[in-house]
PDB file of N, CA and C in Angstrom:
ATOM      1  N   MET A   1      30.868  11.986 -31.131  1.00  0.00           N
ATOM      2  CA  MET A   1      30.140  10.851 -31.950  1.00  0.00           C
ATOM      3  C   MET A   1      30.830  11.884 -33.370  1.00  0.00           C
ATOM      4  N   PHE A   2      31.141  11.077 -34.462  1.00  0.00           N
ATOM      5  CA  PHE A   2      31.989  11.760 -35.544  1.00  0.00           C
ATOM      6  C   PHE A   2      30.819  11.746 -37.120  1.00  0.00           C
ATOM      7  N   LYS A   3      31.068  12.597 -37.604  1.00  0.00           N
ATOM      8  CA  LYS A   3      30.146  13.067 -39.202  1.00  0.00           C
ATOM      9  C   LYS A   3      30.580  13.627 -39.804  1.00  0.00           C
ATOM     10  N   THR A   4      30.709  13.566 -40.791  1.00  0.00           N
ATOM     11  CA  THR A   4      31.281  14.182 -42.435  1.00  0.00           C
ATOM     12  C   THR A   4      30.280  15.421 -42.393  1.00  0.00           C
ATOM     13  N   VAL A   5      31.018  16.177 -43.121  1.00  0.00           N
ATOM     14  CA  VAL A   5      30.374  17.840 -43.636  1.00  0.00           C
ATOM     15  C   VAL A   5      28.979  17.027 -44.223  1.00  0.00           C
ATOM     16  N   SER A   6      29.416  16.420 -45.125  1.00  0.00           N
ATOM     17  CA  SER A   6      27.909  16.318 -45.910  1.00  0.00           C
ATOM     18  C   SER A   6      26.681  15.280 -44.960  1.00  0.00           C
ATOM     19  N   GLU A   7      27.134  14.302 -44.076  1.00  0.00           N
ATOM     20  CA  GLU A   7      26.191  14.096 -43.392  1.00  0.00           C
ATOM     21  C   GLU A   7      25.569  15.210 -42.471  1.00  0.00           C
ATOM     22  N   ALA A   8      26.302  15.438 -41.954  1.00  0.00           N
ATOM     23  CA  ALA A   8      25.855  17.167 -41.511  1.00  0.00           C
ATOM     24  C   ALA A   8      24.750  18.041 -42.035  1.00  0.00           C
ATOM     25  N   LYS A   9      25.377  18.176 -42.973  1.00  0.00           N
ATOM     26  CA  LYS A   9      24.312  18.896 -43.979  1.00  0.00           C
ATOM     27  C   LYS A   9      22.970  17.947 -44.338  1.00  0.00           C
ATOM     28  N   ALA A  10      23.261  16.684 -44.448  1.00  0.00           N
ATOM     29  CA  ALA A  10      21.892  16.369 -44.833  1.00  0.00           C
ATOM     30  C   ALA A  10      20.946  15.911 -43.545  1.00  0.00           C
ATOM     31  N   ASN A  11      21.746  16.083 -42.367  1.00  0.00           N
ATOM     32  CA  ASN A  11      20.942  15.552 -41.306  1.00  0.00           C
ATOM     33  C   ASN A  11      21.104  16.708 -39.952  1.00  0.00           C
ATOM     34  N   LEU A  12      21.359  17.779 -40.516  1.00  0.00           N
ATOM     35  CA  LEU A  12      21.653  19.436 -39.655  1.00  0.00           C
ATOM     36  C   LEU A  12      20.292  19.502 -38.215  1.00  0.00           C
ATOM     37  N   ASN A  13      19.144  19.221 -38.490  1.00  0.00           N
ATOM     38  CA  ASN A  13      17.912  19.560 -37.892  1.00  0.00           C
ATOM     39  C   ASN A  13      17.935  18.109 -36.566  1.00  0.00           C
ATOM     40  N   ALA A  14      18.229  16.874 -37.170  1.00  0.00           N
ATOM     41  CA  ALA A  14      18.578  15.994 -36.175  1.00  0.00           C
ATOM     42  C   ALA A  14      19.454  15.986 -35.547  1.00  0.00           C
ATOM     43  N   ILE A  15      21.123  16.495 -35.764  1.00  0.00           N
ATOM     44  CA  ILE A  15      21.972  16.710 -35.389  1.00  0.00           C
ATOM     45  C   ILE A  15      21.705  17.605 -34.214  1.00  0.00           C
ATOM     46  N   VAL A  16      21.565  18.497 -34.894  1.00  0.00           N
ATOM     47  CA  VAL A  16      21.159  19.929 -33.372  1.00  0.00           C
ATOM     48  C   VAL A  16      19.824  19.822 -32.406  1.00  0.00           C
ATOM     49  N   ALA A  17      19.621  18.585 -32.665  1.00  0.00           N
ATOM     50  CA  ALA A  17      18.142  18.503 -32.087  1.00  0.00           C
ATOM     51  C   ALA A  17      18.494  17.579 -30.492  1.00  0.00           C
ATOM     52  N   THR A  18      20.084  16.996 -30.856  1.00  0.00           N
ATOM     53  CA  THR A  18      20.548  16.140 -30.076  1.00  0.00           C
ATOM     54  C   THR A  18      21.721  16.396 -28.642  1.00  0.00           C
ATOM     55  N   ASP A  19      21.975  15.983 -27.613  1.00  0.00           N
ATOM     56  CA  ASP A  19      22.820  16.761 -26.892  1.00  0.00           C
ATOM     57  C   ASP A  19      24.322  16.373 -26.689  1.00  0.00           C
ATOM     58  N   GLU A  20      24.505  16.110 -28.090  1.00  0.00           N
ATOM     59  CA  GLU A  20      26.037  15.382 -28.141  1.00  0.00           C
ATOM     60  C   GLU A  20      27.040  16.582 -28.657  1.00  0.00           C
ATOM     61  N   LEU A  21      28.066  15.966 -28.589  1.00  0.00           N
ATOM     62  CA  LEU A  21      29.232  16.880 -28.790  1.00  0.00           C
ATOM     63  C   LEU A  21      29.297  16.089 -30.237  1.00  0.00           C
ATOM     64  N   ILE A  22      29.584  16.856 -31.560  1.00  0.00           N
ATOM     65  CA  ILE A  22      29.453  16.529 -32.697  1.00  0.00           C
ATOM     66  C   ILE A  22      30.777  17.026 -32.952  1.00  0.00           C
ATOM     67  N   PHE A  23      31.620  16.070 -33.832  1.00  0.00           N
ATOM     68  CA  PHE A  23      32.690  16.372 -34.091  1.00  0.00           C
ATOM     69  C   PHE A  23      32.548  16.089 -35.674  1.00  0.00           C
ATOM     70  N   LEU A  24      32.869  16.956 -36.685  1.00  0.00           N
ATOM     71  CA  LEU A  24      32.960  17.155 -38.054  1.00  0.00           C
ATOM     72  C   LEU A  24      33.721  16.720 -38.563  1.00  0.00           C
ATOM     73  N   THR A  25      34.013  16.053 -39.499  1.00  0.00           N
ATOM     74  CA  THR A  25      35.285  15.449 -40.309  1.00  0.00           C
ATOM     75  C   THR A  25      35.010  15.714 -42.095  1.00  0.00           C
ATOM     76  N   LYS A  26      36.397  15.801 -42.437  1.00  0.00           N
ATOM     77  CA  LYS A  26      36.061  16.259 -44.069  1.00  0.00           C
ATOM     78  C   LYS A  26      37.267  15.632 -44.395  1.00  0.00           C
ATOM     79  N   ASN A  27      37.228  14.495 -45.533  1.00  0.00           N
ATOM     80  CA  ASN A  27      38.470  13.690 -46.291  1.00  0.00           C
ATOM     81  C   ASN A  27      38.947  12.946 -45.377  1.00  0.00           C
ATOM     82  N   GLY A  28      38.300  12.407 -43.977  1.00  0.00           N
ATOM     83  CA  GLY A  28      39.252  11.946 -43.018  1.00  0.00           C
ATOM     84  C   GLY A  28      39.384  12.459 -42.079  1.00  0.00           C
ATOM     85  N   LYS A  29      39.673  13.751 -41.611  1.00  0.00           N
ATOM     86  CA  LYS A  29      40.435  14.943 -40.785  1.00  0.00           C
ATOM     87  C   LYS A  29      39.499  15.888 -40.323  1.00  0.00           C
ATOM     88  N   THR A  30      39.257  15.632 -38.705  1.00  0.00           N
ATOM     89  CA  THR A  30      38.814  16.405 -38.353  1.00  0.00           C
ATOM     90  C   THR A  30      38.812  17.815 -38.112  1.00  0.00           C
ATOM     91  N   ILE A  31      37.858  18.882 -38.555  1.00  0.00           N
ATOM     92  CA  ILE A  31      37.786  19.944 -38.523  1.00  0.00           C
ATOM     93  C   ILE A  31      36.960  20.929 -37.970  1.00  0.00           C
ATOM     94  N   SER A  32      36.039  20.420 -37.444  1.00  0.00           N
ATOM     95  CA  SER A  32      35.303  21.428 -36.398  1.00  0.00           C
ATOM     96  C   SER A  32      34.238  20.728 -35.845  1.00  0.00           C
ATOM     97  N   SER A  33      33.468  20.673 -34.542  1.00  0.00           N
ATOM     98  CA  SER A  33      33.146  20.782 -33.995  1.00  0.00           C
ATOM     99  C   SER A  33      31.231  21.692 -33.491  1.00  0.00           C
ATOM    100  N   LEU A  34      30.352  20.808 -33.376  1.00  0.00           N
ATOM    101  CA  LEU A  34      29.347  21.363 -32.857  1.00  0.00           C
ATOM    102  C   LEU A  34      28.905  20.633 -31.603  1.00  0.00           C
ATOM    103  N   VAL A  35      28.817  22.227 -30.709  1.00  0.00           N
ATOM    104  CA  VAL A  35      28.971  21.813 -29.433  1.00  0.00           C
ATOM    105  C   VAL A  35      27.396  22.554 -28.483  1.00  0.00           C
ATOM    106  N   PRO A  36      26.626  21.101 -27.952  1.00  0.00           N
ATOM    107  CA  PRO A  36      25.309  21.776 -27.406  1.00  0.00           C
ATOM    108  C   PRO A  36      25.846  23.348 -26.467  1.00  0.00           C
ATOM    109  N   TYR A  37      24.836  23.929 -26.594  1.00  0.00           N
ATOM    110  CA  TYR A  37      24.762  25.200 -25.836  1.00  0.00           C
ATOM    111  C   TYR A  37      24.832  25.161 -24.769  1.00  0.00           C
ATOM    112  N   GLU A  38      24.684  24.661 -23.583  1.00  0.00           N
ATOM    113  CA  GLU A  38      24.697  24.590 -22.237  1.00  0.00           C
ATOM    114  C   GLU A  38      25.869  23.697 -22.286  1.00  0.00           C
ATOM    115  N   LEU A  39      26.740  22.906 -22.750  1.00  0.00           N
ATOM    116  CA  LEU A  39      27.977  22.665 -22.632  1.00  0.00           C
ATOM    117  C   LEU A  39      29.005  23.681 -22.919  1.00  0.00           C
ATOM    118  N   PHE A  40      29.050  24.702 -24.082  1.00  0.00           N
ATOM    119  CA  PHE A  40      29.366  25.600 -24.494  1.00  0.00           C
ATOM    120  C   PHE A  40      29.419  26.827 -23.423  1.00  0.00           C
ATOM    121  N   GLN A  41      28.139  26.935 -22.534  1.00  0.00           N
ATOM    122  CA  GLN A  41      28.118  27.739 -21.760  1.00  0.00           C
ATOM    123  C   GLN A  41      29.251  27.584 -20.100  1.00  0.00           C
ATOM    124  N   GLU A  42      28.814  26.351 -20.006  1.00  0.00           N
ATOM    125  CA  GLU A  42      29.853  25.745 -19.155  1.00  0.00           C
ATOM    126  C   GLU A  42      31.244  26.023 -19.176  1.00  0.00           C
ATOM    127  N   MET A  43      31.712  25.754 -20.896  1.00  0.00           N
ATOM    128  CA  MET A  43      33.303  25.550 -20.988  1.00  0.00           C
ATOM    129  C   MET A  43      33.381  27.485 -21.280  1.00  0.00           C
ATOM    130  N   TYR A  44      32.526  27.940 -21.715  1.00  0.00           N
ATOM    131  CA  TYR A  44      33.016  29.662 -21.274  1.00  0.00           C
ATOM    132  C   TYR A  44      33.086  30.342 -19.951  1.00  0.00           C
ATOM    133  N   ARG A  45      32.059  29.462 -19.180  1.00  0.00           N
ATOM    134  CA  ARG A  45      32.240  30.191 -18.049  1.00  0.00           C
ATOM    135  C   ARG A  45      33.878  29.881 -17.390  1.00  0.00           C
ATOM    136  N   ALA A  46      33.999  28.563 -17.399  1.00  0.00           N
ATOM    137  CA  ALA A  46      35.349  28.069 -17.118  1.00  0.00           C
ATOM    138  C   ALA A  46      36.366  28.743 -17.263  1.00  0.00           C
ATOM    139  N   TRP A  47      36.578  29.298 -19.098  1.00  0.00           N
ATOM    140  CA  TRP A  47      37.199  29.806 -19.744  1.00  0.00           C
ATOM    141  C   TRP A  47      37.694  31.271 -19.049  1.00  0.00           C
ATOM    142  N   LYS A  48      36.323  32.058 -19.143  1.00  0.00           N
ATOM    143  CA  LYS A  48      36.257  33.246 -18.098  1.00  0.00           C
ATOM    144  C   LYS A  48      37.094  33.324 -16.676  1.00  0.00           C
ATOM    145  N   ASP A  49      36.722  32.259 -15.875  1.00  0.00           N
ATOM    146  CA  ASP A  49      37.204  32.289 -14.805  1.00  0.00           C
ATOM    147  C   ASP A  49      38.867  32.036 -14.816  1.00  0.00           C
ATOM    148  N   LEU A  50      38.861  31.209 -15.766  1.00  0.00           N
ATOM    149  CA  LEU A  50      40.139  31.049 -15.652  1.00  0.00           C
ATOM    150  C   LEU A  50      41.285  32.295 -15.945  1.00  0.00           C
ATOM    151  N   GLN A  51      40.735  33.116 -17.184  1.00  0.00           N
ATOM    152  CA  GLN A  51      41.411  34.223 -17.454  1.00  0.00           C
ATOM    153  C   GLN A  51      41.174  35.227 -15.949  1.00  0.00           C
ATOM    154  N   TYR A  52      40.017  35.180 -15.606  1.00  0.00           N
ATOM    155  CA  TYR A  52      40.171  36.130 -14.151  1.00  0.00           C
ATOM    156  C   TYR A  52      41.556  35.560 -13.235  1.00  0.00           C
ATOM    157  N   ARG A  53      41.675  34.471 -13.034  1.00  0.00           N
ATOM    158  CA  ARG A  53      42.584  34.074 -11.890  1.00  0.00           C
ATOM    159  C   ARG A  53      43.711  34.469 -12.730  1.00  0.00           C
ATOM    160  N   LYS A  54      44.240  34.454 -13.743  1.00  0.00           N
ATOM    161  CA  LYS A  54      45.344  34.274 -14.878  1.00  0.00           C
ATOM    162  C   LYS A  54      45.865  35.995 -14.368  1.00  0.00           C
ATOM    163  N   ALA A  55      44.785  37.096 -14.132  1.00  0.00           N
ATOM    164  CA  ALA A  55      44.698  38.176 -14.383  1.00  0.00           C
ATOM    165  C   ALA A  55      45.493  38.526 -12.917  1.00  0.00           C
ATOM    166  N   ILE A  56      44.718  37.777 -11.769  1.00  0.00           N
ATOM    167  CA  ILE A  56      44.847  38.400 -10.424  1.00  0.00           C
ATOM    168  C   ILE A  56      46.689  37.715 -10.199  1.00  0.00           C
ATOM    169  N   VAL A  57      46.496  36.531 -10.691  1.00  0.00           N
ATOM    170  CA  VAL A  57      47.899  36.448 -10.543  1.00  0.00           C
ATOM    171  C   VAL A  57      49.247  37.354 -11.139  1.00  0.00           C
ATOM    172  N   ARG A  58      48.971  37.749 -12.356  1.00  0.00           N
ATOM    173  CA  ARG A  58      49.483  38.769 -12.986  1.00  0.00           C
ATOM    174  C   ARG A  58      49.797  40.611 -11.913  1.00  0.00           C
ATOM    175  N   ALA A  59      48.482  40.501 -11.494  1.00  0.00           N
ATOM    176  CA  ALA A  59      48.742  41.763 -10.787  1.00  0.00           C
ATOM    177  C   ALA A  59      49.600  41.771  -9.523  1.00  0.00           C
ATOM    178  N   LYS A  60      49.627  40.306  -8.954  1.00  0.00           N
ATOM    179  CA  LYS A  60      50.596  39.750  -8.072  1.00  0.00           C
ATOM    180  C   LYS A  60      52.009  39.902  -8.230  1.00  0.00           C
ATOM    181  N   VAL A  61      51.937  39.245  -9.497  1.00  0.00           N
ATOM    182  CA  VAL A  61      53.103  39.482 -10.042  1.00  0.00           C
ATOM    183  C   VAL A  61      53.975  40.976 -10.137  1.00  0.00           C
ATOM    184  N   ILE A  62      52.956  41.783 -10.465  1.00  0.00           N
ATOM    185  CA  ILE A  62      53.709  43.221 -10.614  1.00  0.00           C
ATOM    186  C   ILE A  62      53.461  43.686  -9.570  1.00  0.00           C
ATOM    187  N   HIS A  63      52.626  43.419  -8.526  1.00  0.00           N
ATOM    188  CA  HIS A  63      53.131  43.923  -7.019  1.00  0.00           C
ATOM    189  C   HIS A  63      53.873  43.878  -6.425  1.00  0.00           C
ATOM    190  N   ALA A  64      54.618  42.724  -6.578  1.00  0.00           N
ATOM    191  CA  ALA A  64      55.726  42.029  -6.050  1.00  0.00           C
ATOM    192  C   ALA A  64      57.214  42.428  -6.718  1.00  0.00           C
ATOM    193  N   GLY A  65      57.021  43.239  -7.365  1.00  0.00           N
ATOM    194  CA  GLY A  65      58.135  43.948  -7.936  1.00  0.00           C
ATOM    195  C   GLY A  65      58.250  43.880  -9.453  1.00  0.00           C
ATOM    196  N   ASN A  66      57.474  42.435 -10.394  1.00  0.00           N
ATOM    197  CA  ASN A  66      57.969  42.784 -11.548  1.00  0.00           C
ATOM    198  C   ASN A  66      57.168  43.699 -12.477  1.00  0.00           C
ATOM    199  N   THR A  67      57.818  44.656 -12.552  1.00  0.00           N
ATOM    200  CA  THR A  67      56.945  45.985 -12.722  1.00  0.00           C
ATOM    201  C   THR A  67      55.985  45.567 -14.666  1.00  0.00           C
ATOM    202  N   ASP A  68      56.749  45.038 -15.131  1.00  0.00           N
ATOM    203  CA  ASP A  68      56.343  45.019 -16.800  1.00  0.00           C
ATOM    204  C   ASP A  68      55.118  43.948 -16.507  1.00  0.00           C
ATOM    205  N   GLY A  69      55.113  43.082 -15.569  1.00  0.00           N
ATOM    206  CA  GLY A  69      54.166  42.286 -15.677  1.00  0.00           C
ATOM    207  C   GLY A  69      54.297  41.034 -16.458  1.00  0.00           C
ATOM    208  N   LEU A  70      55.077  40.526 -16.914  1.00  0.00           N
ATOM    209  CA  LEU A  70      55.374  39.707 -18.226  1.00  0.00           C
ATOM    210  C   LEU A  70      55.906  38.485 -17.735  1.00  0.00           C
ATOM    211  N   VAL A  71      55.116  37.122 -17.983  1.00  0.00           N
ATOM    212  CA  VAL A  71      55.377  35.808 -16.974  1.00  0.00           C
ATOM    213  C   VAL A  71      54.924  34.822 -18.364  1.00  0.00           C
ATOM    214  N   SER A  72      55.717  34.247 -18.536  1.00  0.00           N
ATOM    215  CA  SER A  72      55.667  33.046 -19.120  1.00  0.00           C
ATOM    216  C   SER A  72      54.843  32.309 -19.034  1.00  0.00           C
ATOM    217  N   ASP A  73      54.038  31.213 -20.067  1.00  0.00           N
ATOM    218  CA  ASP A  73      53.080  30.377 -20.092  1.00  0.00           C
ATOM    219  C   ASP A  73      52.833  29.698 -18.627  1.00  0.00           C
ATOM    220  N   GLU A  74      54.508  29.330 -18.601  1.00  0.00           N
ATOM    221  CA  GLU A  74      54.750  28.031 -17.592  1.00  0.00           C
ATOM    222  C   GLU A  74      54.953  29.218 -16.232  1.00  0.00           C
ATOM    223  N   GLU A  75      55.706  29.989 -16.396  1.00  0.00           N
ATOM    224  CA  GLU A  75      55.440  30.492 -14.989  1.00  0.00           C
ATOM    225  C   GLU A  75      54.100  30.811 -14.423  1.00  0.00           C
ATOM    226  N   LEU A  76      53.346  31.800 -15.164  1.00  0.00           N
ATOM    227  CA  LEU A  76      51.949  31.710 -14.699  1.00  0.00           C
ATOM    228  C   LEU A  76      50.912  30.333 -14.289  1.00  0.00           C
ATOM    229  N   ASP A  77      51.517  29.647 -14.874  1.00  0.00           N
ATOM    230  CA  ASP A  77      50.401  28.144 -14.642  1.00  0.00           C
ATOM    231  C   ASP A  77      51.381  27.999 -13.116  1.00  0.00           C
ATOM    232  N   ALA A  78      52.631  27.880 -13.057  1.00  0.00           N
ATOM    233  CA  ALA A  78      52.858  27.775 -11.507  1.00  0.00           C
ATOM    234  C   ALA A  78      52.756  28.708 -10.652  1.00  0.00           C
ATOM    235  N   LEU A  79      52.644  29.678 -10.957  1.00  0.00           N
ATOM    236  CA  LEU A  79      52.086  31.010 -10.152  1.00  0.00           C
ATOM    237  C   LEU A  79      50.981  30.446  -9.432  1.00  0.00           C
ATOM    238  N   LEU A  80      49.772  30.198 -10.413  1.00  0.00           N
ATOM    239  CA  LEU A  80      48.425  29.995 -10.442  1.00  0.00           C
ATOM    240  C   LEU A  80      48.456  28.750  -9.665  1.00  0.00           C
ATOM    241  N   ASN A  81      48.862  27.702  -9.866  1.00  0.00           N
ATOM    242  CA  ASN A  81      48.758  26.641  -8.660  1.00  0.00           C
ATOM    243  C   ASN A  81      49.670  26.866  -7.186  1.00  0.00           C
ATOM    244  N   GLN A  82      50.229  27.711  -7.228  1.00  0.00           N
ATOM    245  CA  GLN A  82      50.977  27.853  -5.963  1.00  0.00           C
ATOM    246  C   GLN A  82      50.081  28.688  -5.147  1.00  0.00           C
ATOM    247  N   TYR A  83      49.345  29.991  -6.047  1.00  0.00           N
ATOM    248  CA  TYR A  83      48.306  30.732  -5.171  1.00  0.00           C
ATOM    249  C   TYR A  83      46.722  30.260  -5.009  1.00  0.00           C
ATOM    250  N   GLU A  84      46.792  28.932  -5.859  1.00  0.00           N
ATOM    251  CA  GLU A  84      45.191  28.303  -5.549  1.00  0.00           C
ATOM    252  C   GLU A  84      45.709  27.141  -4.162  1.00  0.00           C
ATOM    253  N   SER A  85      46.794  27.065  -4.077  1.00  0.00           N
ATOM    254  CA  SER A  85      46.754  25.741  -3.082  1.00  0.00           C
ATOM    255  C   SER A  85      46.726  26.401  -1.402  1.00  0.00           C
TER     256      SER A  85
END
């Protein structure tokens, strides 16, 4: 659901009482979002899990002989897919 910043200010209690993801707009442009806490927790856990998996892949790259551990995002994604298969 999209709401202008003015609408959100005027109806904040009603907005935070919903379980909907709300996108805030200003001058017709999306500028922010309000995320229900449970959804935020799920997103955060998924993000943390991805960071952990990326760290494991970096460790494997270092162990394989790339001592600086520097891997481009594209290489990291490819390696992550390879190790998860």
